[in-house]
Amino acid sequence: MLRIRSSFAFLTVFAAGIAVCAHPAGAAPGSCSEPVTLGTTISSTGGDAPTAAKWRDLTVEFARMINERGGIP
């Protein structure tokens, strides 16, 4: 019985912690005065270099599309 109560107490505290952390951020659109930097890690040498080149091209295109649409609100 004690084990069930301690498990229930743990799960209750855990769920409360999740609920507290799940609230939306307080930042409003356009409230960031600095540019937002998106990054990625690629392997530009070795056996994965051909795949990394495609990933680099995709990342550049993604940034272009975001900026073309006015950036991140």
Protein backbone atom coordinates (compact mmCIF):
# COMPACT_ATOMS: atom_id res chain seq x y z
CA MET A 1 0.00 0.00 0.00
CA LEU A 2 2.85 2.37 0.85
CA ARG A 3 4.49 1.68 -2.50
CA ILE A 4 1.27 2.57 -4.36
CA ARG A 5 0.95 5.85 -2.42
CA SER A 6 4.55 6.86 -3.08
CA SER A 7 4.15 6.04 -6.78
CA PHE A 8 0.95 8.07 -6.90
CA ALA A 9 2.64 10.98 -5.11
CA PHE A 10 5.56 10.88 -7.54
CA LEU A 11 3.25 10.80 -10.56
CA THR A 12 1.17 13.66 -9.14
CA VAL A 13 4.24 15.84 -8.59
CA PHE A 14 5.62 14.86 -12.00
CA ALA A 15 2.32 15.74 -13.73
CA ALA A 16 2.17 19.07 -11.88
CA GLY A 17 5.72 19.85 -13.03
CA ILE A 18 4.80 19.06 -16.62
CA ALA A 19 1.72 21.29 -16.37
CA VAL A 20 3.77 24.19 -15.01
CA CYS A 21 6.39 23.85 -17.74
CA ALA A 22 3.82 23.50 -20.53
CA HIS A 23 2.56 27.09 -20.49
CA PRO A 24 3.20 29.11 -23.66
CA ALA A 25 6.17 31.44 -23.82
CA GLY A 26 5.55 35.09 -23.09
CA ALA A 27 7.30 36.40 -26.19
CA ALA A 28 5.15 38.36 -28.61
CA PRO A 29 5.61 38.28 -32.38
CA GLY A 30 8.20 40.83 -33.41
CA SER A 31 9.55 41.25 -29.86
CA CYS A 32 13.04 39.99 -30.71
CA SER A 33 15.37 42.82 -31.70
CA GLU A 34 18.20 40.50 -32.75
CA PRO A 35 18.17 38.18 -35.79
CA VAL A 36 17.21 34.58 -35.10
CA THR A 37 19.99 32.14 -35.99
CA LEU A 38 19.13 28.64 -37.17
CA GLY A 39 21.95 26.13 -37.24
CA THR A 40 22.66 22.58 -38.20
CA THR A 41 25.52 20.14 -37.87
CA ILE A 42 26.80 18.45 -41.00
CA SER A 43 29.70 16.21 -41.92
CA SER A 44 31.40 18.06 -44.76
CA THR A 45 34.16 15.46 -45.19
CA GLY A 46 34.31 11.70 -45.29
CA GLY A 47 31.74 9.21 -46.44
CA ASP A 48 28.79 11.40 -45.49
CA ALA A 49 29.96 14.45 -47.46
CA PRO A 50 27.61 13.88 -50.45
CA THR A 51 24.60 13.70 -48.14
CA ALA A 52 25.86 16.69 -46.15
CA ALA A 53 26.09 18.79 -49.31
CA LYS A 54 22.40 18.11 -49.98
CA TRP A 55 21.58 18.97 -46.36
CA ARG A 56 23.56 22.24 -46.66
CA ASP A 57 21.66 23.15 -49.84
CA LEU A 58 18.35 22.35 -48.15
CA THR A 59 19.27 24.50 -45.14
CA VAL A 60 20.20 27.45 -47.36
CA GLU A 61 16.94 27.10 -49.30
CA PHE A 62 14.95 26.87 -46.07
CA ALA A 63 16.54 30.11 -44.79
CA ARG A 64 15.85 31.80 -48.14
CA MET A 65 12.18 30.78 -47.99
CA ILE A 66 11.80 32.04 -44.41
CA ASN A 67 13.40 35.39 -45.25
CA GLU A 68 11.37 35.72 -48.45
CA ARG A 69 8.19 35.44 -46.40
CA GLY A 70 9.28 38.14 -43.97
CA GLY A 71 11.25 36.07 -41.49
CA ILE A 72 10.05 34.46 -38.30
CA PRO A 73 7.19 36.48 -36.75
